[in-house]
C-alpha cells in the first residue's frame, strides 16, 4: 500500500512514540527528512 503525504504526516503525528530517526534508518532515507515532512517543509515524492 502506498501512503499519501497526508497519511504519512497523520500517522507520524498520531504515533509520537515512534522514533523518527529509527524509521529513517530502516527506510534508508535522509536523516531529518521525516521531520521536514511533518513540519510541512518538504513533501514526499509521489
N, C-alpha and C. Protein backbone atom coordinates (compact mmCIF):
# COMPACT_ATOMS: atom_id res chain seq x y z
N UNK A 1 0.84 -1.17 0.00
CA UNK A 1 0.00 0.00 0.00
C UNK A 1 0.89 1.24 0.00
N UNK A 2 0.59 2.16 -0.87
CA UNK A 2 1.32 3.41 -0.93
C UNK A 2 0.52 4.46 -0.17
N UNK A 3 1.22 5.16 0.72
CA UNK A 3 0.56 6.19 1.54
C UNK A 3 0.76 7.55 0.90
N UNK A 4 -0.25 8.40 1.05
CA UNK A 4 -0.13 9.78 0.58
C UNK A 4 0.67 10.58 1.59
N UNK A 5 1.06 11.76 1.18
CA UNK A 5 1.81 12.66 2.06
C UNK A 5 1.02 12.92 3.35
N UNK A 6 -0.26 13.21 3.23
CA UNK A 6 -1.09 13.49 4.41
C UNK A 6 -1.24 12.28 5.32
N UNK A 7 -1.33 11.10 4.75
CA UNK A 7 -1.43 9.88 5.55
C UNK A 7 -0.15 9.65 6.36
N UNK A 8 1.00 9.91 5.77
CA UNK A 8 2.27 9.75 6.48
C UNK A 8 2.35 10.76 7.63
N UNK A 9 2.00 12.00 7.36
CA UNK A 9 2.03 13.03 8.40
C UNK A 9 1.10 12.66 9.54
N UNK A 10 -0.13 12.27 9.23
CA UNK A 10 -1.10 11.90 10.26
C UNK A 10 -0.62 10.69 11.05
N UNK A 11 -0.04 9.71 10.39
CA UNK A 11 0.47 8.52 11.07
C UNK A 11 1.58 8.88 12.05
N UNK A 12 2.53 9.67 11.60
CA UNK A 12 3.65 10.05 12.47
C UNK A 12 3.20 10.90 13.65
N UNK A 13 2.27 11.83 13.41
CA UNK A 13 1.78 12.67 14.48
C UNK A 13 0.92 11.91 15.48
N UNK A 14 0.23 10.87 15.03
CA UNK A 14 -0.62 10.10 15.94
C UNK A 14 0.14 8.99 16.66
N UNK A 15 1.41 8.81 16.32
CA UNK A 15 2.25 7.79 16.95
C UNK A 15 3.56 8.42 17.44
N UNK A 16 3.48 9.31 18.42
CA UNK A 16 4.68 10.02 18.86
C UNK A 16 5.74 9.13 19.50
N UNK A 17 5.38 7.91 19.88
CA UNK A 17 6.35 7.02 20.50
C UNK A 17 7.32 6.44 19.47
N UNK A 18 6.99 6.55 18.19
CA UNK A 18 7.89 6.05 17.15
C UNK A 18 9.10 6.96 17.05
N UNK A 19 10.26 6.37 16.98
CA UNK A 19 11.50 7.13 16.84
C UNK A 19 11.72 7.44 15.36
N UNK A 20 11.60 8.71 15.01
CA UNK A 20 11.73 9.13 13.62
C UNK A 20 13.10 8.75 13.06
N UNK A 21 14.14 8.92 13.85
CA UNK A 21 15.49 8.55 13.38
C UNK A 21 15.57 7.07 13.02
N UNK A 22 14.94 6.23 13.84
CA UNK A 22 14.95 4.79 13.56
C UNK A 22 14.18 4.49 12.28
N UNK A 23 13.04 5.14 12.09
CA UNK A 23 12.27 4.93 10.86
C UNK A 23 13.07 5.36 9.63
N UNK A 24 13.77 6.47 9.73
CA UNK A 24 14.59 6.94 8.61
C UNK A 24 15.70 5.95 8.31
N UNK A 25 16.29 5.39 9.34
CA UNK A 25 17.38 4.43 9.16
C UNK A 25 16.87 3.16 8.49
N UNK A 26 15.73 2.65 8.97
CA UNK A 26 15.14 1.44 8.40
C UNK A 26 14.74 1.66 6.95
N UNK A 27 14.15 2.83 6.67
CA UNK A 27 13.69 3.14 5.32
C UNK A 27 14.83 3.58 4.39
N UNK A 28 16.02 3.77 4.98
CA UNK A 28 17.20 4.21 4.22
C UNK A 28 16.93 5.53 3.49
N UNK A 29 16.38 6.49 4.26
CA UNK A 29 16.16 7.83 3.72
C UNK A 29 17.01 8.82 4.51
N UNK A 30 17.14 10.00 3.99
CA UNK A 30 18.00 11.01 4.60
C UNK A 30 17.56 11.34 6.02
N UNK A 31 18.55 11.54 6.90
CA UNK A 31 18.27 11.95 8.26
C UNK A 31 17.60 13.31 8.25
N UNK A 32 16.51 13.44 8.97
CA UNK A 32 15.79 14.70 9.05
C UNK A 32 14.64 14.83 8.06
N UNK A 33 14.56 13.92 7.09
CA UNK A 33 13.53 14.03 6.07
C UNK A 33 12.12 13.92 6.66
N UNK A 34 11.89 12.95 7.53
CA UNK A 34 10.55 12.79 8.10
C UNK A 34 10.15 13.98 8.97
N UNK A 35 11.11 14.55 9.66
CA UNK A 35 10.84 15.75 10.44
C UNK A 35 10.42 16.91 9.55
N UNK A 36 11.08 17.06 8.43
CA UNK A 36 10.73 18.11 7.48
C UNK A 36 9.34 17.88 6.90
N UNK A 37 9.01 16.63 6.64
CA UNK A 37 7.70 16.30 6.09
C UNK A 37 6.60 16.62 7.09
N UNK A 38 6.80 16.25 8.36
CA UNK A 38 5.77 16.51 9.37
C UNK A 38 5.61 17.99 9.67
N UNK A 39 6.67 18.78 9.47
CA UNK A 39 6.59 20.23 9.68
C UNK A 39 6.06 20.96 8.45
N UNK A 40 5.90 20.25 7.34
CA UNK A 40 5.39 20.86 6.12
C UNK A 40 6.44 21.58 5.30
N UNK A 41 7.71 21.36 5.64
CA UNK A 41 8.81 21.99 4.92
C UNK A 41 9.04 21.30 3.58
N UNK A 42 8.76 20.01 3.55
CA UNK A 42 9.01 19.22 2.35
C UNK A 42 7.89 18.20 2.17
N UNK A 43 7.64 17.79 0.92
CA UNK A 43 6.65 16.76 0.63
C UNK A 43 7.37 15.49 0.20
N UNK A 44 6.70 14.37 0.40
CA UNK A 44 7.21 13.12 -0.10
C UNK A 44 7.10 13.10 -1.62
N UNK A 45 7.96 12.37 -2.27
CA UNK A 45 7.82 12.18 -3.71
C UNK A 45 6.62 11.30 -3.94
N UNK A 46 5.77 11.71 -4.84
CA UNK A 46 4.56 10.92 -5.11
C UNK A 46 4.65 10.29 -6.45
